Amino acid sequence: MTPPAPFLPTNPGISLVDGNPARRRARQILLLSERYRVRSYASCAALVSDPASRDHACIILDLSDSRLAGQDDDGMAALAAMRGLGWTGRAILLDARAPSPELLAAAARQGDRILDRATTDGALLAAIAAAMLTLAG
């Protein structure tokens, strides 16, 4: 007998962080069309300061967006802050550069996924689905 499929919330939540308004809106529309609940943020500081962001199972964060660079908007620091505030979800980190060994190790420890910033919509949706399954199972 095959085990039942893992239970997933009807409309899982995703927090989307991207400093580029056009790209953020396009991804938001994509995710909404897939029936995800989406909260979008123009900065890491906005993500961390919003208590509702901790209710979402997944964070999509563009690490190579120069608009998110800086002491208050470091993506990895924001993830650490979210986890320190009790968030237990998975992150999908988008990066235009080859990830450093430190970043790879940190992502592996937390069960996060690193994708190329130019990833296709299909690959991004597949990574989200995989992240949701790891949380459910």
N, C-alpha and C. Protein backbone atom coordinates (compact mmCIF):
# COMPACT_ATOMS: atom_id res chain seq x y z
N MET A 1 0.84 -1.18 0.00
CA MET A 1 0.00 0.00 0.00
C MET A 1 0.89 1.25 0.00
N THR A 2 0.56 2.18 -0.84
CA THR A 2 1.33 3.43 -0.90
C THR A 2 0.88 4.38 0.19
N PRO A 3 1.86 5.09 0.80
CA PRO A 3 1.47 6.05 1.84
C PRO A 3 0.68 7.20 1.21
N PRO A 4 -0.20 7.81 1.99
CA PRO A 4 -0.96 8.94 1.45
C PRO A 4 -0.04 10.11 1.14
N ALA A 5 -0.49 10.93 0.21
CA ALA A 5 0.28 12.13 -0.12
C ALA A 5 0.34 13.03 1.10
N PRO A 6 1.46 13.74 1.29
CA PRO A 6 1.56 14.62 2.45
C PRO A 6 0.52 15.73 2.40
N PHE A 7 0.04 16.11 3.57
CA PHE A 7 -0.94 17.19 3.65
C PHE A 7 -0.23 18.52 3.45
N LEU A 8 -0.76 19.30 2.57
CA LEU A 8 -0.27 20.66 2.38
C LEU A 8 -1.42 21.61 2.61
N PRO A 9 -1.17 22.75 3.23
CA PRO A 9 -2.24 23.72 3.40
C PRO A 9 -2.86 24.05 2.03
N THR A 10 -4.11 24.38 2.02
CA THR A 10 -4.79 24.66 0.76
C THR A 10 -4.08 25.75 -0.01
N ASN A 11 -3.72 26.81 0.63
CA ASN A 11 -3.02 27.91 -0.01
C ASN A 11 -1.80 28.28 0.82
N PRO A 12 -0.69 27.57 0.64
CA PRO A 12 0.49 27.90 1.44
C PRO A 12 0.98 29.32 1.16
N GLY A 13 1.60 29.92 2.16
CA GLY A 13 2.08 31.29 2.02
C GLY A 13 3.54 31.37 1.63
N ILE A 14 3.84 32.39 0.83
CA ILE A 14 5.20 32.65 0.39
C ILE A 14 5.50 34.12 0.61
N SER A 15 6.67 34.39 1.18
CA SER A 15 7.17 35.76 1.28
C SER A 15 8.19 35.95 0.16
N LEU A 16 8.02 36.99 -0.61
CA LEU A 16 8.86 37.26 -1.78
C LEU A 16 9.62 38.55 -1.54
N VAL A 17 10.96 38.47 -1.59
CA VAL A 17 11.79 39.65 -1.35
C VAL A 17 12.63 39.91 -2.59
N ASP A 18 12.40 41.07 -3.21
CA ASP A 18 13.14 41.44 -4.41
C ASP A 18 13.11 42.95 -4.51
N GLY A 19 14.26 43.57 -4.68
CA GLY A 19 14.35 45.02 -4.77
C GLY A 19 13.89 45.59 -6.11
N ASN A 20 13.72 44.73 -7.11
CA ASN A 20 13.29 45.18 -8.43
C ASN A 20 11.77 45.10 -8.50
N PRO A 21 11.07 46.23 -8.53
CA PRO A 21 9.61 46.21 -8.48
C PRO A 21 8.96 45.42 -9.62
N ALA A 22 9.49 45.54 -10.83
CA ALA A 22 8.89 44.84 -11.97
C ALA A 22 9.06 43.33 -11.83
N ARG A 23 10.25 42.90 -11.46
CA ARG A 23 10.49 41.46 -11.30
C ARG A 23 9.69 40.91 -10.11
N ARG A 24 9.63 41.68 -9.03
CA ARG A 24 8.87 41.26 -7.85
C ARG A 24 7.39 41.10 -8.21
N ARG A 25 6.85 42.03 -8.94
CA ARG A 25 5.43 41.97 -9.33
C ARG A 25 5.18 40.79 -10.28
N ALA A 26 6.08 40.56 -11.23
CA ALA A 26 5.91 39.43 -12.15
C ALA A 26 5.92 38.11 -11.39
N ARG A 27 6.84 37.96 -10.45
CA ARG A 27 6.87 36.72 -9.66
C ARG A 27 5.65 36.61 -8.76
N GLN A 28 5.19 37.73 -8.23
CA GLN A 28 4.00 37.72 -7.39
C GLN A 28 2.79 37.24 -8.21
N ILE A 29 2.64 37.74 -9.41
CA ILE A 29 1.54 37.31 -10.27
C ILE A 29 1.65 35.82 -10.58
N LEU A 30 2.86 35.35 -10.88
CA LEU A 30 3.07 33.92 -11.13
C LEU A 30 2.62 33.09 -9.93
N LEU A 31 3.06 33.48 -8.74
CA LEU A 31 2.73 32.72 -7.54
C LEU A 31 1.24 32.78 -7.21
N LEU A 32 0.63 33.92 -7.40
CA LEU A 32 -0.81 34.04 -7.18
C LEU A 32 -1.58 33.16 -8.16
N SER A 33 -1.09 33.07 -9.40
CA SER A 33 -1.77 32.23 -10.39
C SER A 33 -1.70 30.76 -10.02
N GLU A 34 -0.71 30.40 -9.18
CA GLU A 34 -0.58 29.02 -8.71
C GLU A 34 -1.29 28.82 -7.37
N ARG A 35 -2.05 29.83 -6.96
CA ARG A 35 -2.87 29.81 -5.74
C ARG A 35 -2.07 29.84 -4.43
N TYR A 36 -0.87 30.42 -4.48
CA TYR A 36 -0.13 30.65 -3.25
C TYR A 36 -0.59 31.99 -2.67
N ARG A 37 -0.58 32.09 -1.36
CA ARG A 37 -0.77 33.39 -0.70
C ARG A 37 0.60 34.05 -0.72
N VAL A 38 0.67 35.29 -1.17
CA VAL A 38 1.96 35.94 -1.36
C VAL A 38 1.99 37.29 -0.65
N ARG A 39 3.07 37.50 0.09
CA ARG A 39 3.38 38.83 0.63
C ARG A 39 4.70 39.22 -0.01
N SER A 40 4.75 40.40 -0.61
CA SER A 40 5.99 40.79 -1.28
C SER A 40 6.61 41.98 -0.56
N TYR A 41 7.93 42.00 -0.60
CA TYR A 41 8.71 43.01 0.14
C TYR A 41 9.81 43.57 -0.76
N ALA A 42 10.02 44.86 -0.66
CA ALA A 42 11.07 45.51 -1.42
C ALA A 42 12.42 45.46 -0.72
N SER A 43 12.43 45.02 0.54
CA SER A 43 13.68 44.96 1.29
C SER A 43 13.63 43.85 2.34
N CYS A 44 14.80 43.42 2.75
CA CYS A 44 14.89 42.42 3.82
C CYS A 44 14.39 42.99 5.13
N ALA A 45 14.67 44.27 5.35
CA ALA A 45 14.21 44.91 6.60
C ALA A 45 12.68 44.88 6.68
N ALA A 46 12.00 45.09 5.56
CA ALA A 46 10.54 45.03 5.56
C ALA A 46 10.05 43.62 5.87
N LEU A 47 10.73 42.61 5.33
CA LEU A 47 10.38 41.22 5.61
C LEU A 47 10.47 40.93 7.10
N VAL A 48 11.61 41.26 7.68
CA VAL A 48 11.86 40.94 9.09
C VAL A 48 10.92 41.71 10.01
N SER A 49 10.57 42.93 9.64
CA SER A 49 9.73 43.75 10.53
C SER A 49 8.24 43.40 10.44
N ASP A 50 7.85 42.59 9.47
CA ASP A 50 6.44 42.23 9.32
C ASP A 50 6.14 40.92 10.04
N PRO A 51 5.41 40.94 11.15
CA PRO A 51 5.12 39.70 11.88
C PRO A 51 4.37 38.66 11.03
N ALA A 52 3.58 39.11 10.07
CA ALA A 52 2.83 38.17 9.22
C ALA A 52 3.75 37.34 8.34
N SER A 53 4.96 37.82 8.07
CA SER A 53 5.89 37.07 7.21
C SER A 53 6.30 35.75 7.87
N ARG A 54 6.24 35.68 9.17
CA ARG A 54 6.64 34.46 9.87
C ARG A 54 5.59 33.36 9.77
N ASP A 55 4.41 33.70 9.27
CA ASP A 55 3.35 32.71 9.08
C ASP A 55 3.46 31.99 7.74
N HIS A 56 4.36 32.43 6.89
CA HIS A 56 4.51 31.83 5.56
C HIS A 56 5.59 30.76 5.57
N ALA A 57 5.33 29.68 4.86
CA ALA A 57 6.22 28.52 4.88
C ALA A 57 7.49 28.71 4.07
N CYS A 58 7.49 29.64 3.14
CA CYS A 58 8.62 29.77 2.22
C CYS A 58 8.96 31.24 2.01
N ILE A 59 10.26 31.50 1.92
CA ILE A 59 10.75 32.84 1.56
C ILE A 59 11.55 32.69 0.28
N ILE A 60 11.24 33.52 -0.71
CA ILE A 60 12.05 33.59 -1.92
C ILE A 60 12.81 34.90 -1.84
N LEU A 61 14.13 34.80 -1.89
CA LEU A 61 15.00 35.95 -1.63
C LEU A 61 16.07 36.05 -2.70
N ASP A 62 16.15 37.20 -3.35
CA ASP A 62 17.17 37.42 -4.38
C ASP A 62 18.44 37.96 -3.71
N LEU A 63 19.44 37.10 -3.58
CA LEU A 63 20.68 37.49 -2.90
C LEU A 63 21.56 38.42 -3.72
N SER A 64 21.40 38.42 -5.03
CA SER A 64 22.30 39.21 -5.87
C SER A 64 21.71 40.53 -6.31
N ASP A 65 20.59 40.92 -5.74
CA ASP A 65 19.98 42.20 -6.07
C ASP A 65 20.72 43.30 -5.34
N SER A 66 21.35 44.19 -6.10
CA SER A 66 22.15 45.25 -5.47
C SER A 66 21.30 46.16 -4.60
N ARG A 67 20.01 46.25 -4.87
CA ARG A 67 19.12 47.08 -4.05
C ARG A 67 18.92 46.49 -2.66
N LEU A 68 19.23 45.20 -2.50
CA LEU A 68 19.09 44.56 -1.20
C LEU A 68 20.41 44.46 -0.46
N ALA A 69 21.48 44.94 -1.08
CA ALA A 69 22.80 44.87 -0.45
C ALA A 69 22.93 45.96 0.61
N GLY A 70 23.78 45.73 1.56
CA GLY A 70 24.01 46.71 2.60
C GLY A 70 23.79 46.11 3.97
N GLN A 71 24.24 46.79 4.97
CA GLN A 71 24.23 46.26 6.33
C GLN A 71 22.84 45.87 6.82
N ASP A 72 21.82 46.69 6.50
CA ASP A 72 20.48 46.41 6.99
C ASP A 72 19.69 45.49 6.06
N ASP A 73 20.20 45.21 4.89
CA ASP A 73 19.45 44.42 3.93
C ASP A 73 20.21 43.20 3.43
N ASP A 74 21.06 42.62 4.25
CA ASP A 74 21.77 41.42 3.87
C ASP A 74 20.81 40.23 3.94
N GLY A 75 20.69 39.50 2.84
CA GLY A 75 19.74 38.41 2.76
C GLY A 75 19.97 37.31 3.77
N MET A 76 21.19 36.87 3.96
CA MET A 76 21.48 35.80 4.91
C MET A 76 21.24 36.27 6.35
N ALA A 77 21.56 37.52 6.62
CA ALA A 77 21.29 38.06 7.96
C ALA A 77 19.78 38.13 8.20
N ALA A 78 19.03 38.46 7.15
CA ALA A 78 17.56 38.51 7.29
C ALA A 78 17.01 37.12 7.57
N LEU A 79 17.51 36.09 6.90
CA LEU A 79 17.06 34.73 7.17
C LEU A 79 17.39 34.31 8.60
N ALA A 80 18.59 34.67 9.05
CA ALA A 80 18.96 34.35 10.42
C ALA A 80 18.04 35.07 11.41
N ALA A 81 17.71 36.32 11.11
CA ALA A 81 16.80 37.07 11.98
C ALA A 81 15.41 36.44 11.98
N MET A 82 14.94 36.02 10.82
CA MET A 82 13.62 35.37 10.74
C MET A 82 13.62 34.08 11.58
N ARG A 83 14.67 33.30 11.47
CA ARG A 83 14.74 32.06 12.25
C ARG A 83 14.84 32.36 13.73
N GLY A 84 15.54 33.42 14.08
CA GLY A 84 15.63 33.84 15.47
C GLY A 84 14.29 34.28 16.03
N LEU A 85 13.40 34.73 15.15
CA LEU A 85 12.06 35.15 15.56
C LEU A 85 11.05 34.01 15.53
N GLY A 86 11.54 32.81 15.22
CA GLY A 86 10.66 31.64 15.28
C GLY A 86 10.20 31.10 13.94
N TRP A 87 10.62 31.71 12.83
CA TRP A 87 10.21 31.20 11.53
C TRP A 87 10.91 29.87 11.28
N THR A 88 10.18 28.86 10.84
CA THR A 88 10.75 27.52 10.65
C THR A 88 10.59 27.00 9.23
N GLY A 89 10.36 27.88 8.28
CA GLY A 89 10.14 27.47 6.90
C GLY A 89 11.42 27.22 6.12
N ARG A 90 11.27 27.19 4.82
CA ARG A 90 12.38 26.97 3.90
C ARG A 90 12.56 28.21 3.03
N ALA A 91 13.80 28.46 2.66
CA ALA A 91 14.10 29.60 1.79
C ALA A 91 14.57 29.10 0.43
N ILE A 92 14.21 29.85 -0.57
CA ILE A 92 14.74 29.64 -1.91
C ILE A 92 15.54 30.89 -2.22
N LEU A 93 16.84 30.70 -2.35
CA LEU A 93 17.77 31.81 -2.52
C LEU A 93 18.14 31.91 -3.99
N LEU A 94 17.91 33.07 -4.57
CA LEU A 94 18.25 33.30 -5.97
C LEU A 94 19.54 34.08 -6.02
N ASP A 95 20.49 33.62 -6.82
CA ASP A 95 21.79 34.26 -6.87
C ASP A 95 22.34 34.22 -8.29
N ALA A 96 22.89 35.34 -8.75
CA ALA A 96 23.47 35.41 -10.09
C ALA A 96 24.91 34.91 -10.11
N ARG A 97 25.50 34.77 -8.94
CA ARG A 97 26.90 34.33 -8.85
C ARG A 97 26.94 32.85 -8.47
N ALA A 98 28.10 32.27 -8.66
CA ALA A 98 28.29 30.91 -8.16
C ALA A 98 28.31 30.99 -6.64
N PRO A 99 27.50 30.17 -5.97
CA PRO A 99 27.44 30.27 -4.51
C PRO A 99 28.76 29.87 -3.86
N SER A 100 29.10 30.58 -2.81
CA SER A 100 30.32 30.29 -2.06
C SER A 100 30.13 28.99 -1.27
N PRO A 101 31.23 28.34 -0.87
CA PRO A 101 31.11 27.15 -0.03
C PRO A 101 30.36 27.43 1.27
N GLU A 102 30.54 28.62 1.83
CA GLU A 102 29.85 28.99 3.06
C GLU A 102 28.34 29.06 2.85
N LEU A 103 27.94 29.66 1.72
CA LEU A 103 26.52 29.77 1.41
C LEU A 103 25.92 28.39 1.17
N LEU A 104 26.64 27.54 0.44
CA LEU A 104 26.16 26.18 0.19
C LEU A 104 25.97 25.42 1.49
N ALA A 105 26.94 25.55 2.40
CA ALA A 105 26.86 24.86 3.69
C ALA A 105 25.69 25.38 4.53
N ALA A 106 25.52 26.69 4.55
CA ALA A 106 24.42 27.28 5.33
C ALA A 106 23.07 26.84 4.77
N ALA A 107 22.94 26.83 3.46
CA ALA A 107 21.68 26.41 2.85
C ALA A 107 21.40 24.93 3.15
N ALA A 108 22.43 24.11 3.06
CA ALA A 108 22.25 22.68 3.33
C ALA A 108 21.84 22.44 4.78
N ARG A 109 22.43 23.18 5.71
CA ARG A 109 22.08 23.03 7.13
C ARG A 109 20.61 23.33 7.39
N GLN A 110 20.09 24.31 6.70
CA GLN A 110 18.72 24.77 6.95
C GLN A 110 17.68 24.10 6.04
N GLY A 111 18.15 23.34 5.06
CA GLY A 111 17.21 22.74 4.10
C GLY A 111 16.75 23.73 3.04
N ASP A 112 17.52 24.80 2.85
CA ASP A 112 17.18 25.82 1.86
C ASP A 112 17.71 25.41 0.48
N ARG A 113 17.24 26.08 -0.53
CA ARG A 113 17.62 25.77 -1.91
C ARG A 113 18.22 27.01 -2.55
N ILE A 114 19.28 26.84 -3.34
CA ILE A 114 19.89 27.95 -4.08
C ILE A 114 19.64 27.71 -5.56
N LEU A 115 19.08 28.72 -6.22
CA LEU A 115 18.84 28.66 -7.65
C LEU A 115 19.51 29.85 -8.33
N ASP A 116 19.81 29.68 -9.60
CA ASP A 116 20.32 30.80 -10.38
C ASP A 116 19.23 31.86 -10.47
N ARG A 117 19.64 33.10 -10.40
CA ARG A 117 18.69 34.22 -10.43
C ARG A 117 17.83 34.18 -11.71
N ALA A 118 18.40 33.68 -12.80
CA ALA A 118 17.68 33.64 -14.09
C ALA A 118 16.89 32.35 -14.28
N THR A 119 16.61 31.66 -13.20
CA THR A 119 15.89 30.39 -13.29
C THR A 119 14.54 30.58 -13.95
N THR A 120 14.07 29.52 -14.57
CA THR A 120 12.76 29.60 -15.23
C THR A 120 11.64 29.56 -14.20
N ASP A 121 10.47 29.99 -14.62
CA ASP A 121 9.31 29.94 -13.74
C ASP A 121 9.02 28.51 -13.31
N GLY A 122 9.14 27.58 -14.24
CA GLY A 122 8.88 26.17 -13.93
C GLY A 122 9.83 25.63 -12.87
N ALA A 123 11.11 25.97 -12.99
CA ALA A 123 12.10 25.51 -12.00
C ALA A 123 11.83 26.14 -10.63
N LEU A 124 11.44 27.41 -10.63
CA LEU A 124 11.12 28.07 -9.36
C LEU A 124 9.89 27.42 -8.71
N LEU A 125 8.86 27.15 -9.50
CA LEU A 125 7.66 26.51 -8.95
C LEU A 125 7.97 25.10 -8.45
N ALA A 126 8.84 24.38 -9.14
CA ALA A 126 9.24 23.04 -8.70
C ALA A 126 9.99 23.11 -7.37
N ALA A 127 10.86 24.10 -7.22
CA ALA A 127 11.60 24.27 -5.97
C ALA A 127 10.66 24.62 -4.83
N ILE A 128 9.66 25.44 -5.10
CA ILE A 128 8.67 25.78 -4.06
C ILE A 128 7.91 24.53 -3.65
N ALA A 129 7.46 23.76 -4.62
CA ALA A 129 6.70 22.54 -4.32
C ALA A 129 7.55 21.57 -3.48
N ALA A 130 8.83 21.43 -3.84
CA ALA A 130 9.73 20.55 -3.07
C ALA A 130 9.90 21.07 -1.65
N ALA A 131 10.03 22.39 -1.49
CA ALA A 131 10.18 22.97 -0.15
C ALA A 131 8.93 22.70 0.68
N MET A 132 7.77 22.84 0.08
CA MET A 132 6.52 22.60 0.80
C MET A 132 6.41 21.13 1.23
N LEU A 133 6.87 20.23 0.38
CA LEU A 133 6.82 18.81 0.71
C LEU A 133 7.74 18.47 1.87
N THR A 134 8.92 19.09 1.93
CA THR A 134 9.83 18.81 3.04
C THR A 134 9.24 19.29 4.35
N LEU A 135 8.47 20.37 4.29
CA LEU A 135 7.85 20.89 5.52
C LEU A 135 6.68 20.02 5.96
N ALA A 136 6.00 19.42 4.98
CA ALA A 136 4.84 18.60 5.29
C ALA A 136 5.23 17.20 5.76
N GLY A 137 6.40 16.75 5.34
CA GLY A 137 6.74 15.36 5.62
C GLY A 137 7.75 15.20 6.65
